[in-house]
Amino acid sequence: CDDVEFSAEDAARTEPGFLAEVLSAVIAAGARTVNVPDTVGYAVPGEFADLIRYLRENVQDVDRATVSVHCHDDLGMAVANSLAAVEAGARQIECTVNGIGERAGNCSLEEVVMAVRTRADRLGVSTSIDSTRLYPTSRLVAAVTGVHVPRNKAVVGDNAFAHEAGIHQHGMLRHQSTYEIMRPEDVGMGGSRLVLGKHSGRHAFRDRVQALGLHLDEAELDRAFIAFKQLADRKKEVFDADIEALVLRSDAAEAGPWRLASMQIRSGKGIAPSAEVELVHADGTSRRESAEGDGPVAAAFHAIELATGIEARLRNFDIRNVTVGGDAQGEAVVSVEHDGRTYHGKGFDTDIVEASALAFLQAVNRICDLRRRQGDSPNRPSLAAAGPG
């Protein structure tokens, strides 16, 4: 291979002289990129910049390789350290969408890209990244991983371009550049997010799906449009985030042998919460089970376990609103454990209990799929199978 990258683990805390010696050796051996990680997020910007300058001055034949940095965010300085390294001579930044990563995360791609673009006068470098894809990509990664973007997240958070203080609003109306150093359009966030309603047709829906960067074939578009019409009957206002959510939900509905056909919840003061679910199997048969739980969500989970014959231990459960308003969709994300493995599921609905049940069922379907691939037969419950009480 003619393009080899060498990464020096925990370089930020390594003795600089030894680090320079190691990097000199790997460049001599043919490495074309030498990566300097701040593995535990310990460095501060001035210190990290000094290290990069030292390496630029003391590594033999350093110009034969690209100096790269890989910063973690344990002290909240991954982006600052990365930009300081660029000023000191680094020419590659390893980063992730939304700063996602282990522990506190990694350097945020969208923040670096927009910092380099906005402060080109100071940094003197550029990237070839299309910044208008940052926001759609951020939303996609958040939807797929279930790791939500905080509203106040720089560049791609929902509040990134919101101005609440009166003096700020007045200034924005008079001169937008006064309080906005970049425009929403620059990161792909431009335009109204209130797009469609119950009278919107398939053509308008297709156009909006494409504008959001979602690529569906005709069958997928048909499923998503049916889900959209059902949602529009329940929601007065349909937002871009709703469309993204229902597209993901339509995809999830096709995964695995089980589909939720109906669910009834009984809950209230002085009443033991219970749920009755009907699941339809891919072979056309159905199964109906009832269960009680500490709450309606737990009851629904237990009923799904009974219906599928699969016991899944809940490890994590999170729910949030996808959009705003009393009729907003809820997004539920679950992690379950089964036979020593962890499975994830995600569900969307204006009813948060149903969203939770859909998320749990998606995780169970993934258990079924893995068993099927391994030659087991989990797709139908055994008569002896018993879920938790």
Protein backbone atom coordinates (compact mmCIF):
# COMPACT_ATOMS: atom_id res chain seq x y z
CA CYS A 1 0.00 0.00 0.00
CA ASP A 2 1.36 3.41 -0.97
CA ASP A 3 -0.78 5.37 1.50
CA VAL A 4 -0.09 4.28 5.07
CA GLU A 5 -1.16 6.20 8.17
CA PHE A 6 0.61 5.66 11.50
CA SER A 7 -1.15 6.70 14.69
CA ALA A 8 0.76 7.17 17.95
CA GLU A 9 -1.59 6.20 20.79
CA ASP A 10 -1.82 8.81 23.58
CA ALA A 11 0.63 11.07 21.76
CA ALA A 12 -0.45 14.18 23.68
CA ARG A 13 0.99 12.72 26.90
CA THR A 14 4.04 11.12 25.31
CA GLU A 15 7.55 12.53 25.88
CA PRO A 16 8.01 14.80 22.80
CA GLY A 17 11.54 13.66 22.01
CA PHE A 18 10.55 10.00 21.94
CA LEU A 19 7.45 10.80 19.87
CA ALA A 20 9.57 12.67 17.31
CA GLU A 21 11.94 9.70 17.13
CA VAL A 22 9.07 7.27 16.50
CA LEU A 23 7.46 9.45 13.83
CA SER A 24 10.81 9.91 12.09
CA ALA A 25 11.21 6.14 11.92
CA VAL A 26 7.74 5.46 10.51
CA ILE A 27 8.14 8.18 7.85
CA ALA A 28 11.44 6.59 6.85
CA ALA A 29 9.60 3.26 6.63
CA GLY A 30 7.05 4.74 4.22
CA ALA A 31 4.19 6.21 6.26
CA ARG A 32 2.51 9.06 4.40
CA THR A 33 0.32 10.30 7.27
CA VAL A 34 1.42 10.54 10.90
CA ASN A 35 -1.43 10.94 13.34
CA VAL A 36 -1.02 12.65 16.73
CA PRO A 37 -3.98 11.71 18.96
CA ASP A 38 -5.08 13.32 22.18
CA THR A 39 -6.50 9.95 23.14
CA VAL A 40 -8.00 10.85 26.51
CA GLY A 41 -8.86 14.50 25.77
CA TYR A 42 -6.23 15.81 28.20
CA ALA A 43 -4.54 18.54 26.14
CA VAL A 44 -5.32 22.25 26.07
CA PRO A 45 -5.02 24.28 22.83
CA GLY A 46 -1.75 26.13 23.51
CA GLU A 47 -0.03 22.98 24.74
CA PHE A 48 -1.25 20.89 21.81
CA ALA A 49 -0.17 23.54 19.30
CA ASP A 50 3.29 23.60 20.91
CA LEU A 51 3.53 19.82 20.48
CA ILE A 52 2.65 20.02 16.78
CA ARG A 53 5.20 22.80 16.23
CA TYR A 54 7.85 20.74 18.02
CA LEU A 55 7.13 17.75 15.79
CA ARG A 56 7.20 19.91 12.67
CA GLU A 57 10.65 21.12 13.70
CA ASN A 58 12.14 17.86 14.99
CA VAL A 59 10.70 14.97 12.97
CA GLN A 60 13.04 14.03 10.14
CA ASP A 61 11.56 14.44 6.65
CA VAL A 62 8.27 15.58 8.17
CA ASP A 63 7.29 17.24 4.89
CA ARG A 64 7.11 13.79 3.27
CA ALA A 65 4.03 13.06 5.37
CA THR A 66 0.77 14.76 6.33
CA VAL A 67 0.59 15.64 10.02
CA SER A 68 -2.82 14.59 11.34
CA VAL A 69 -4.55 15.07 14.71
CA HIS A 70 -7.26 13.06 16.45
CA CYS A 71 -8.72 14.83 19.47
CA HIS A 72 -11.19 13.58 22.07
CA ASP A 73 -13.58 15.87 23.90
CA ASP A 74 -13.22 14.79 27.54
CA LEU A 75 -12.49 18.37 28.64
CA GLY A 76 -14.65 19.94 25.93
CA MET A 77 -11.68 21.11 23.85
CA ALA A 78 -11.50 18.67 20.93
CA VAL A 79 -12.42 21.29 18.30
CA ALA A 80 -10.25 24.00 19.88
CA ASN A 81 -7.27 21.65 20.09
CA SER A 82 -7.74 20.56 16.47
CA LEU A 83 -7.88 24.14 15.19
CA ALA A 84 -4.84 25.07 17.28
CA ALA A 85 -3.02 22.15 15.68
CA VAL A 86 -3.93 23.45 12.22
CA GLU A 87 -2.45 26.83 13.07
CA ALA A 88 0.70 24.99 14.16
CA GLY A 89 1.01 23.08 10.89
CA ALA A 90 -1.29 20.04 11.02
CA ARG A 91 -3.12 19.43 7.76
CA GLN A 92 -5.55 16.63 8.60
CA ILE A 93 -8.19 16.57 11.33
CA GLU A 94 -9.86 13.29 12.23
CA CYS A 95 -13.41 14.04 13.31
CA THR A 96 -16.92 12.62 13.43
CA VAL A 97 -20.43 13.77 12.53
CA ASN A 98 -22.05 15.35 15.59
CA GLY A 99 -18.83 14.69 17.50
CA ILE A 100 -20.08 11.18 18.20
CA GLY A 101 -17.56 8.86 19.82
CA GLU A 102 -16.60 7.02 22.96
CA ARG A 103 -16.85 8.74 26.34
CA ALA A 104 -17.42 12.48 25.72
CA GLY A 105 -16.98 12.07 21.96
CA ASN A 106 -14.58 13.23 19.28
CA CYS A 107 -13.88 16.42 17.41
CA SER A 108 -17.06 17.53 15.66
CA LEU A 109 -16.85 17.53 11.86
CA GLU A 110 -19.49 20.20 11.33
CA GLU A 111 -17.88 22.57 13.84
CA VAL A 112 -14.44 22.18 12.27
CA VAL A 113 -15.75 22.65 8.73
CA MET A 114 -17.63 25.83 9.58
CA ALA A 115 -14.80 27.20 11.73
CA VAL A 116 -12.36 26.73 8.85
CA ARG A 117 -14.83 28.32 6.43
CA THR A 118 -15.88 31.20 8.69
CA ARG A 119 -12.38 31.99 9.98
CA ALA A 120 -10.37 31.42 6.82
CA ASP A 121 -8.82 34.82 7.50
CA ARG A 122 -7.18 33.43 10.62
CA LEU A 123 -6.60 29.77 9.75
CA GLY A 124 -5.59 30.20 6.11
CA VAL A 125 -6.80 26.74 5.06
CA SER A 126 -9.88 25.28 3.38
CA THR A 127 -11.68 21.97 2.91
CA SER A 128 -13.46 20.46 -0.09
CA ILE A 129 -16.53 19.57 1.99
CA ASP A 130 -19.96 20.72 0.77
CA SER A 131 -21.16 22.49 3.91
CA THR A 132 -24.79 22.44 2.75
CA ARG A 133 -24.83 18.70 3.48
CA LEU A 134 -23.81 19.14 7.12
CA TYR A 135 -27.27 19.54 8.63
CA PRO A 136 -28.96 16.73 6.64
CA THR A 137 -26.05 14.42 7.43
CA SER A 138 -26.23 15.34 11.11
CA ARG A 139 -29.94 14.51 11.18
CA LEU A 140 -29.37 11.22 9.39
CA VAL A 141 -26.63 10.12 11.79
CA ALA A 142 -28.75 11.10 14.79
CA ALA A 143 -31.72 9.16 13.44
CA VAL A 144 -29.71 6.02 12.65
CA THR A 145 -27.67 5.94 15.87
CA GLY A 146 -30.34 7.21 18.25
CA VAL A 147 -27.82 9.69 19.68
CA HIS A 148 -29.76 12.94 19.74
CA VAL A 149 -28.28 16.32 18.83
CA PRO A 150 -28.71 18.83 21.69
CA ARG A 151 -30.82 21.83 20.73
CA ASN A 152 -27.94 24.17 21.60
CA LYS A 153 -25.34 22.18 19.63
CA ALA A 154 -23.12 24.48 17.58
CA VAL A 155 -23.79 24.60 13.82
CA VAL A 156 -26.46 21.87 13.61
CA GLY A 157 -28.53 22.24 16.80
CA ASP A 158 -32.11 23.43 16.44
CA ASN A 159 -31.24 26.63 18.33
CA ALA A 160 -28.03 27.32 16.40
CA PHE A 161 -29.71 30.12 14.44
CA ALA A 162 -32.44 31.09 16.91
CA HIS A 163 -32.38 34.57 18.46
CA GLU A 164 -34.54 35.10 21.54
CA ALA A 165 -33.20 38.22 23.23
CA GLY A 166 -35.07 41.35 22.10
CA ILE A 167 -31.97 43.33 21.17
CA HIS A 168 -30.71 40.37 19.13
CA GLN A 169 -34.02 40.03 17.29
CA HIS A 170 -34.03 43.75 16.51
CA GLY A 171 -30.49 43.56 15.22
CA MET A 172 -31.31 40.52 13.09
CA LEU A 173 -34.21 42.34 11.47
CA ARG A 174 -32.04 45.37 10.70
CA HIS A 175 -28.81 43.64 9.69
CA GLN A 176 -28.66 39.84 9.69
CA SER A 177 -24.86 39.74 9.70
CA THR A 178 -24.78 41.53 13.06
CA TYR A 179 -25.65 38.38 15.00
CA GLU A 180 -25.17 35.58 12.46
CA ILE A 181 -21.61 34.77 11.44
CA MET A 182 -22.97 32.09 9.10
CA ARG A 183 -26.35 31.50 7.50
CA PRO A 184 -28.65 28.51 8.04
CA GLU A 185 -28.45 27.91 4.29
CA ASP A 186 -24.68 27.48 4.58
CA VAL A 187 -25.16 24.25 6.54
CA GLY A 188 -28.26 23.03 4.69
CA MET A 189 -30.75 24.25 7.27
CA GLY A 190 -32.41 26.87 5.09
CA GLY A 191 -36.10 27.13 4.32
CA SER A 192 -39.27 26.53 6.27
CA ARG A 193 -39.54 23.20 8.04
CA LEU A 194 -43.35 23.28 7.90
CA VAL A 195 -43.84 21.64 4.54
CA LEU A 196 -46.83 19.37 4.05
CA GLY A 197 -50.32 18.59 5.29
CA LYS A 198 -53.12 16.08 4.85
CA HIS A 199 -54.06 17.52 1.44
CA SER A 200 -50.54 17.16 0.03
CA GLY A 201 -50.14 14.67 -2.80
CA ARG A 202 -47.57 12.03 -3.65
CA HIS A 203 -45.66 14.34 -6.00
CA ALA A 204 -45.20 17.01 -3.31
CA PHE A 205 -44.20 14.33 -0.83
CA ARG A 206 -41.61 12.90 -3.24
CA ASP A 207 -40.14 16.37 -3.83
CA ARG A 208 -39.79 16.99 -0.11
CA VAL A 209 -38.23 13.59 0.53
CA GLN A 210 -35.65 14.27 -2.18
CA ALA A 211 -34.99 17.78 -0.83
CA LEU A 212 -34.21 16.21 2.55
CA GLY A 213 -31.57 14.01 0.92
CA LEU A 214 -33.54 10.78 1.42
CA HIS A 215 -33.29 8.32 -1.47
CA LEU A 216 -36.18 5.88 -1.84
CA ASP A 217 -37.13 3.47 -4.59
CA GLU A 218 -40.76 3.33 -5.75
CA ALA A 219 -41.77 0.62 -3.29
CA GLU A 220 -40.13 2.45 -0.39
CA LEU A 221 -41.74 5.71 -1.48
CA ASP A 222 -45.16 4.06 -1.58
CA ARG A 223 -44.77 2.74 1.97
CA ALA A 224 -43.51 6.09 3.23
CA PHE A 225 -46.35 7.99 1.52
CA ILE A 226 -48.98 5.74 3.10
CA ALA A 227 -47.35 6.38 6.49
CA PHE A 228 -47.32 10.12 5.73
CA LYS A 229 -51.05 10.22 4.94
CA GLN A 230 -51.80 8.36 8.17
CA LEU A 231 -49.63 10.80 10.10
CA ALA A 232 -51.16 13.85 8.39
CA ASP A 233 -54.61 12.72 9.49
CA ARG A 234 -53.44 12.95 13.11
CA LYS A 235 -51.14 15.99 12.91
CA LYS A 236 -52.19 19.45 11.82
CA GLU A 237 -48.63 20.40 10.89
CA VAL A 238 -46.08 18.04 9.35
CA PHE A 239 -42.43 19.05 9.69
CA ASP A 240 -39.27 17.87 7.95
CA ALA A 241 -38.31 15.94 11.07
CA ASP A 242 -41.66 14.12 10.91
CA ILE A 243 -40.94 13.06 7.34
CA GLU A 244 -37.47 11.82 8.25
CA ALA A 245 -38.93 9.86 11.16
CA LEU A 246 -41.69 8.19 9.16
CA VAL A 247 -39.26 7.19 6.40
CA LEU A 248 -37.14 5.45 9.02
CA ARG A 249 -40.25 3.91 10.54
CA SER A 250 -41.37 2.57 7.14
CA ASP A 251 -37.95 0.95 6.68
CA ALA A 252 -38.11 -0.57 10.15
CA ALA A 253 -41.58 -1.98 9.52
CA GLU A 254 -40.15 -4.17 6.77
CA ALA A 255 -37.38 -5.60 8.97
CA GLY A 256 -37.97 -8.84 10.84
CA PRO A 257 -40.80 -11.37 10.99
CA TRP A 258 -43.15 -9.57 13.40
CA ARG A 259 -45.37 -6.55 12.82
CA LEU A 260 -47.54 -4.73 15.37
CA ALA A 261 -51.16 -5.00 14.19
CA SER A 262 -52.93 -3.54 17.21
CA MET A 263 -52.38 -2.60 20.82
CA GLN A 264 -54.75 -1.77 23.66
CA ILE A 265 -53.61 -0.18 26.91
CA ARG A 266 -55.47 -0.16 30.22
CA SER A 267 -54.06 2.21 32.81
CA GLY A 268 -55.18 4.76 35.37
CA LYS A 269 -55.22 5.64 39.05
CA GLY A 270 -55.90 2.52 41.09
CA ILE A 271 -55.69 0.27 38.01
CA ALA A 272 -52.85 -2.16 37.36
CA PRO A 273 -51.36 -1.13 34.00
CA SER A 274 -51.87 -3.78 31.32
CA ALA A 275 -51.40 -4.11 27.58
CA GLU A 276 -52.83 -6.39 24.92
CA VAL A 277 -50.92 -6.64 21.66
CA GLU A 278 -51.64 -8.42 18.41
CA LEU A 279 -48.60 -9.27 16.31
CA VAL A 280 -48.75 -10.49 12.73
CA HIS A 281 -46.06 -12.89 11.56
CA ALA A 282 -44.48 -12.84 8.11
CA ASP A 283 -46.19 -16.16 7.34
CA GLY A 284 -49.60 -14.49 7.74
CA THR A 285 -50.53 -15.88 11.14
CA SER A 286 -51.10 -13.68 14.17
CA ARG A 287 -50.69 -13.95 17.91
CA ARG A 288 -52.43 -11.97 20.66
CA GLU A 289 -51.07 -11.70 24.22
CA SER A 290 -51.78 -9.62 27.32
CA ALA A 291 -49.48 -8.67 30.18
CA GLU A 292 -49.22 -6.35 33.15
CA GLY A 293 -46.30 -4.13 34.11
CA ASP A 294 -45.17 -1.27 36.32
CA GLY A 295 -46.57 1.08 33.69
CA PRO A 296 -48.18 0.92 30.25
CA VAL A 297 -44.81 0.83 28.47
CA ALA A 298 -43.50 -2.04 30.59
CA ALA A 299 -46.78 -3.89 30.09
CA ALA A 300 -46.49 -3.51 26.31
CA PHE A 301 -42.90 -4.79 26.40
CA HIS A 302 -43.95 -7.86 28.43
CA ALA A 303 -46.84 -8.60 26.05
CA ILE A 304 -44.47 -8.48 23.07
CA GLU A 305 -42.13 -10.90 24.83
CA LEU A 306 -44.99 -13.32 25.39
CA ALA A 307 -46.22 -13.04 21.81
CA THR A 308 -42.79 -13.62 20.26
CA GLY A 309 -41.45 -16.08 22.82
CA ILE A 310 -38.29 -14.00 23.19
CA GLU A 311 -37.21 -12.59 26.52
CA ALA A 312 -35.24 -9.37 26.09
CA ARG A 313 -33.81 -7.59 29.10
CA LEU A 314 -34.25 -3.82 28.83
CA ARG A 315 -30.90 -2.05 29.28
CA ASN A 316 -31.72 1.48 28.16
CA PHE A 317 -34.86 3.42 27.26
CA ASP A 318 -35.05 6.97 25.96
CA ILE A 319 -37.88 9.01 24.50
CA ARG A 320 -38.05 12.52 23.09
CA ASN A 321 -40.27 14.66 20.91
CA VAL A 322 -39.35 14.75 17.23
CA THR A 323 -41.04 18.10 16.61
CA VAL A 324 -42.98 20.62 18.69
CA GLY A 325 -46.63 20.90 19.71
CA GLY A 326 -49.16 18.77 21.49
CA ASP A 327 -49.47 16.44 18.49
CA ALA A 328 -45.71 16.01 18.04
CA GLN A 329 -44.32 12.60 17.20
CA GLY A 330 -42.38 10.84 19.91
CA GLU A 331 -39.17 8.96 19.16
CA ALA A 332 -38.41 6.02 21.43
CA VAL A 333 -35.00 4.33 21.50
CA VAL A 334 -34.36 1.10 23.38
CA SER A 335 -31.41 -1.17 24.03
CA VAL A 336 -32.09 -4.74 25.09
CA GLU A 337 -29.89 -7.68 26.04
CA HIS A 338 -30.45 -11.25 24.89
CA ASP A 339 -28.03 -14.17 25.16
CA GLY A 340 -25.16 -11.81 25.98
CA ARG A 341 -25.72 -9.55 22.98
CA THR A 342 -27.13 -6.02 22.87
CA TYR A 343 -29.78 -5.06 20.32
CA HIS A 344 -31.18 -1.63 19.55
CA GLY A 345 -34.58 -0.51 18.37
CA LYS A 346 -36.27 2.74 17.43
CA GLY A 347 -39.93 3.66 17.08
CA PHE A 348 -41.91 6.76 16.10
CA ASP A 349 -45.52 7.66 16.78
CA THR A 350 -47.66 10.49 18.11
CA ASP A 351 -48.57 8.01 20.88
CA ILE A 352 -45.44 7.57 23.00
CA VAL A 353 -46.56 4.16 24.30
CA GLU A 354 -46.94 2.89 20.74
CA ALA A 355 -43.60 4.46 19.78
CA SER A 356 -42.03 2.58 22.68
CA ALA A 357 -43.67 -0.70 21.67
CA LEU A 358 -42.47 -0.27 18.08
CA ALA A 359 -38.92 0.36 19.29
CA PHE A 360 -38.98 -2.74 21.50
CA LEU A 361 -40.44 -4.85 18.69
CA GLN A 362 -37.72 -3.67 16.31
CA ALA A 363 -35.08 -4.86 18.77
CA VAL A 364 -36.87 -8.21 19.12
CA ASN A 365 -37.07 -8.54 15.33
CA ARG A 366 -33.32 -8.07 15.17
CA ILE A 367 -32.89 -10.90 17.64
CA CYS A 368 -35.10 -13.05 15.39
CA ASP A 369 -33.09 -12.14 12.30
CA LEU A 370 -29.78 -13.02 13.94
CA ARG A 371 -31.13 -16.37 15.10
CA ARG A 372 -32.45 -17.09 11.62
CA ARG A 373 -29.05 -16.36 10.08
CA GLN A 374 -27.42 -18.64 12.64
CA GLY A 375 -29.81 -21.47 11.79
CA ASP A 376 -31.94 -21.25 14.92
CA SER A 377 -35.72 -20.96 14.73
CA PRO A 378 -36.82 -17.95 16.77
CA ASN A 379 -39.45 -16.63 14.43
CA ARG A 380 -42.32 -18.48 16.08
CA PRO A 381 -42.85 -18.67 19.86
CA SER A 382 -42.80 -22.08 21.49
CA LEU A 383 -45.75 -23.11 23.62
CA ALA A 384 -43.41 -23.43 26.60
CA ALA A 385 -42.02 -19.94 26.19
CA ALA A 386 -42.93 -17.69 29.08
CA GLY A 387 -42.22 -14.00 29.36
CA PRO A 388 -41.75 -12.09 32.60
CA GLY A 389 -44.72 -11.59 34.85
